[in-house]
Amino acid sequence: MKASEADILIVPGYKNSGPDHWQSRWETRIKTARRVVQDEWSKPVVEDWTARMAEEVNKSTRPVVIVAHSLGVATAVQAIPQFKNNVVAGFFVAPPDVSNPKIRPKHLMTFGPYPRDPLPFPSMVIASQNDEFSSFEQAEDIAGAWGSMFIDAGERGHIDDAAGHGPWPEGSLTFAKFMQGL
C-alpha cells in the first residue's frame, strides 16, 4: 500500500509533538497525513482523547493507517472499540507503560492497562532499550499480546526530538517498508 492510498493519522502523545519531532516532520511531508488534535495536550483525559481519536478515524474516507507515539499509542489502542471505519494498520512507537504506578504525571495511568487481545489490524511496535517511560520488556510483552511485529530500536531513549530523533530517518525507512507490506 502507498501512503497516498490511505489516511495517515498522526497521533501524538502527552503534550503533543513539537515542530522538530519526527511526527510533525512526517505530517508535513506525507500529503495524506493529518494530526489527531486534542483539546488538552497537558491534561489528557482518556475518554476525551479516545473519542477524538475515534472521530478522526470514523470521518476518514480511505483506509486508515495510525502512526502513534507514546501516549498516542495508548489512545489509539483504547479507542479501537469505537472505530467504525477501516483501520488497516498501526505503526506504534515508544508505547509508555501506563500500568506503572511510577509513571508521571500520575493521571496517565488512566490510559491503562492496555488490552491484551490481538489487534484487529497488522501493527508494528518500535521500542527503545532505555526509554524512561517504559521498560523494553514491557513493550516487547505488549507487542506480543497484540500480535504486532516488534522492532528493537536499541538505546534510543523515548524516540522523540528530545532524544535526538527529530528527522528519524531510520523510522521513515521502517515505515516505508511497513507500508509496502500492507
Protein backbone atom coordinates (compact mmCIF):
# COMPACT_ATOMS: atom_id res chain seq x y z
CA MET A 1 0.00 0.00 0.00
CA LYS A 2 1.15 3.51 -0.75
CA ALA A 3 0.74 6.35 1.74
CA SER A 4 -1.21 8.22 -0.94
CA GLU A 5 -3.88 5.49 -0.81
CA ALA A 6 -4.55 5.89 2.91
CA ASP A 7 -5.40 8.46 5.54
CA ILE A 8 -2.30 8.58 7.73
CA LEU A 9 -3.39 9.63 11.21
CA ILE A 10 -0.56 11.13 13.27
CA VAL A 11 -1.36 10.53 16.94
CA PRO A 12 0.97 12.42 19.30
CA GLY A 13 1.32 11.71 22.98
CA TYR A 14 1.31 13.78 26.14
CA LYS A 15 1.99 17.49 25.45
CA ASN A 16 1.81 16.98 21.65
CA SER A 17 4.74 16.65 19.24
CA GLY A 18 6.62 19.88 18.62
CA PRO A 19 7.82 21.16 15.23
CA ASP A 20 11.13 19.25 15.42
CA HIS A 21 9.54 15.92 16.37
CA TRP A 22 9.60 13.22 13.69
CA GLN A 23 5.77 13.06 13.75
CA SER A 24 5.49 16.75 12.85
CA ARG A 25 8.04 16.33 10.08
CA TRP A 26 6.18 13.33 8.66
CA GLU A 27 2.88 15.22 8.83
CA THR A 28 4.28 17.97 6.61
CA ARG A 29 5.96 15.51 4.24
CA ILE A 30 3.17 12.95 3.75
CA LYS A 31 0.34 14.57 1.78
CA THR A 32 -2.38 12.30 3.19
CA ALA A 33 -1.31 12.74 6.82
CA ARG A 34 -3.22 14.68 9.41
CA ARG A 35 -2.79 15.05 13.14
CA VAL A 36 -5.33 13.95 15.70
CA VAL A 37 -5.60 17.20 17.66
CA GLN A 38 -6.57 17.00 21.32
CA ASP A 39 -8.21 19.86 23.25
CA GLU A 40 -5.99 19.42 26.31
CA TRP A 41 -2.47 18.27 25.47
CA SER A 42 -1.11 18.68 29.00
CA LYS A 43 -4.13 17.24 30.85
CA PRO A 44 -5.10 14.11 28.91
CA VAL A 45 -8.43 12.50 29.77
CA VAL A 46 -8.76 9.03 28.32
CA GLU A 47 -12.45 9.42 27.38
CA ASP A 48 -11.80 12.71 25.58
CA TRP A 49 -8.67 11.54 23.81
CA THR A 50 -10.18 8.25 22.64
CA ALA A 51 -13.38 9.97 21.49
CA ARG A 52 -11.34 12.42 19.39
CA MET A 53 -9.28 9.54 18.02
CA ALA A 54 -12.43 7.63 17.02
CA GLU A 55 -13.92 10.78 15.50
CA GLU A 56 -10.88 11.19 13.23
CA VAL A 57 -10.88 7.52 12.22
CA ASN A 58 -14.61 7.47 11.58
CA LYS A 59 -14.61 10.54 9.33
CA SER A 60 -11.92 9.06 7.10
CA THR A 61 -12.99 8.12 3.60
CA ARG A 62 -9.97 5.94 2.80
CA PRO A 63 -8.24 3.13 4.67
CA VAL A 64 -6.61 4.44 7.86
CA VAL A 65 -3.02 3.89 8.98
CA ILE A 66 -2.34 5.06 12.53
CA VAL A 67 1.11 6.49 13.33
CA ALA A 68 1.18 6.88 17.11
CA HIS A 69 3.89 7.89 19.54
CA SER A 70 3.97 7.48 23.30
CA LEU A 71 0.57 8.19 24.91
CA GLY A 72 -0.81 8.34 21.37
CA VAL A 73 -0.29 4.55 21.25
CA ALA A 74 -2.41 4.09 24.38
CA THR A 75 -5.02 6.46 22.94
CA ALA A 76 -5.24 4.59 19.65
CA VAL A 77 -5.43 1.14 21.19
CA GLN A 78 -8.00 2.15 23.82
CA ALA A 79 -10.15 3.75 21.07
CA ILE A 80 -10.36 0.63 18.87
CA PRO A 81 -13.84 -0.41 20.09
CA GLN A 82 -15.16 2.98 18.88
CA PHE A 83 -13.79 2.65 15.32
CA LYS A 84 -16.44 2.27 12.62
CA ASN A 85 -14.17 2.75 9.61
CA ASN A 86 -11.47 0.53 8.29
CA VAL A 87 -8.16 0.85 10.13
CA VAL A 88 -5.72 -1.17 8.08
CA ALA A 89 -2.57 -0.78 10.20
CA GLY A 90 -0.93 0.68 13.28
CA PHE A 91 2.65 1.96 13.50
CA PHE A 92 3.28 2.33 17.23
CA VAL A 93 6.43 3.99 18.58
CA ALA A 94 7.58 4.06 22.22
CA PRO A 95 4.40 2.88 23.97
CA PRO A 96 4.54 4.04 27.59
CA ASP A 97 3.93 1.68 30.48
CA VAL A 98 0.58 3.10 31.52
CA SER A 99 0.21 0.44 34.22
CA ASN A 100 3.35 1.53 36.07
CA PRO A 101 2.41 3.37 39.29
CA LYS A 102 5.67 5.35 39.00
CA ILE A 103 4.57 7.00 35.73
CA ARG A 104 4.37 10.78 35.89
CA PRO A 105 2.10 12.58 35.70
CA LYS A 106 0.02 10.05 37.58
CA HIS A 107 -3.18 10.63 35.55
CA LEU A 108 -1.51 8.93 32.55
CA MET A 109 -2.31 5.65 34.30
CA THR A 110 -5.96 6.21 33.38
CA PHE A 111 -4.97 5.13 29.85
CA GLY A 112 -4.08 1.66 31.15
CA PRO A 113 -3.97 -1.14 31.40
CA TYR A 114 -3.54 -1.96 27.75
CA PRO A 115 -5.95 -4.50 26.28
CA ARG A 116 -4.10 -7.76 25.71
CA ASP A 117 -6.18 -9.13 22.85
CA PRO A 118 -4.64 -9.32 19.38
CA LEU A 119 -5.28 -6.13 17.42
CA PRO A 120 -7.77 -6.34 14.53
CA PHE A 121 -5.19 -4.99 12.05
CA PRO A 122 -1.48 -5.51 11.30
CA SER A 123 0.78 -3.48 13.52
CA MET A 124 4.36 -2.74 14.40
CA VAL A 125 5.73 -1.70 17.78
CA ILE A 126 9.11 0.03 17.94
CA ALA A 127 10.71 0.33 21.37
CA SER A 128 13.95 1.55 22.83
CA GLN A 129 16.03 -0.34 25.35
CA ASN A 130 16.40 2.76 27.52
CA ASP A 131 13.03 4.51 27.26
CA GLU A 132 12.37 6.36 30.52
CA PHE A 133 8.61 5.84 30.11
CA SER A 134 8.61 2.06 29.62
CA SER A 135 10.81 -0.93 30.13
CA PHE A 136 11.91 -2.70 26.99
CA GLU A 137 10.44 -5.93 28.36
CA GLN A 138 7.01 -4.35 28.88
CA ALA A 139 6.96 -3.00 25.32
CA GLU A 140 8.01 -6.37 23.93
CA ASP A 141 5.36 -8.13 26.03
CA ILE A 142 2.51 -5.89 24.88
CA ALA A 143 3.64 -6.18 21.26
CA GLY A 144 3.46 -9.96 21.62
CA ALA A 145 -0.03 -9.81 23.13
CA TRP A 146 -1.22 -7.59 20.28
CA GLY A 147 0.35 -9.82 17.60
CA SER A 148 2.49 -6.88 16.49
CA MET A 149 5.79 -7.08 14.70
CA PHE A 150 8.36 -5.91 17.26
CA ILE A 151 11.40 -3.78 16.43
CA ASP A 152 14.25 -3.24 18.89
CA ALA A 153 15.44 0.34 18.31
CA GLY A 154 18.50 -0.09 20.51
CA GLU A 155 19.30 2.57 23.08
CA ARG A 156 17.28 5.47 21.64
CA GLY A 157 15.57 6.99 24.66
CA HIS A 158 11.91 7.86 24.11
CA ILE A 159 12.41 8.09 20.32
CA ASP A 160 11.49 11.76 20.20
CA ASP A 161 13.21 15.03 19.37
CA ALA A 162 14.46 15.39 22.97
CA ALA A 163 16.35 12.12 22.46
CA GLY A 164 17.80 13.36 19.17
CA HIS A 165 15.22 11.86 16.81
CA GLY A 166 13.90 14.93 15.01
CA PRO A 167 14.02 13.67 11.43
CA TRP A 168 14.44 9.98 12.45
CA PRO A 169 15.45 8.61 9.01
CA GLU A 170 15.52 5.01 10.32
CA GLY A 171 11.88 5.43 11.29
CA SER A 172 10.98 6.75 7.84
CA LEU A 173 12.60 3.75 6.18
CA THR A 174 10.92 1.34 8.58
CA PHE A 175 7.53 2.99 7.99
CA ALA A 176 8.01 2.82 4.20
CA LYS A 177 8.79 -0.93 4.41
CA PHE A 178 5.82 -1.43 6.72
CA MET A 179 3.51 0.33 4.24
CA GLN A 180 4.87 -1.76 1.33
CA GLY A 181 3.95 -4.91 3.24
CA LEU A 182 0.30 -3.94 3.66
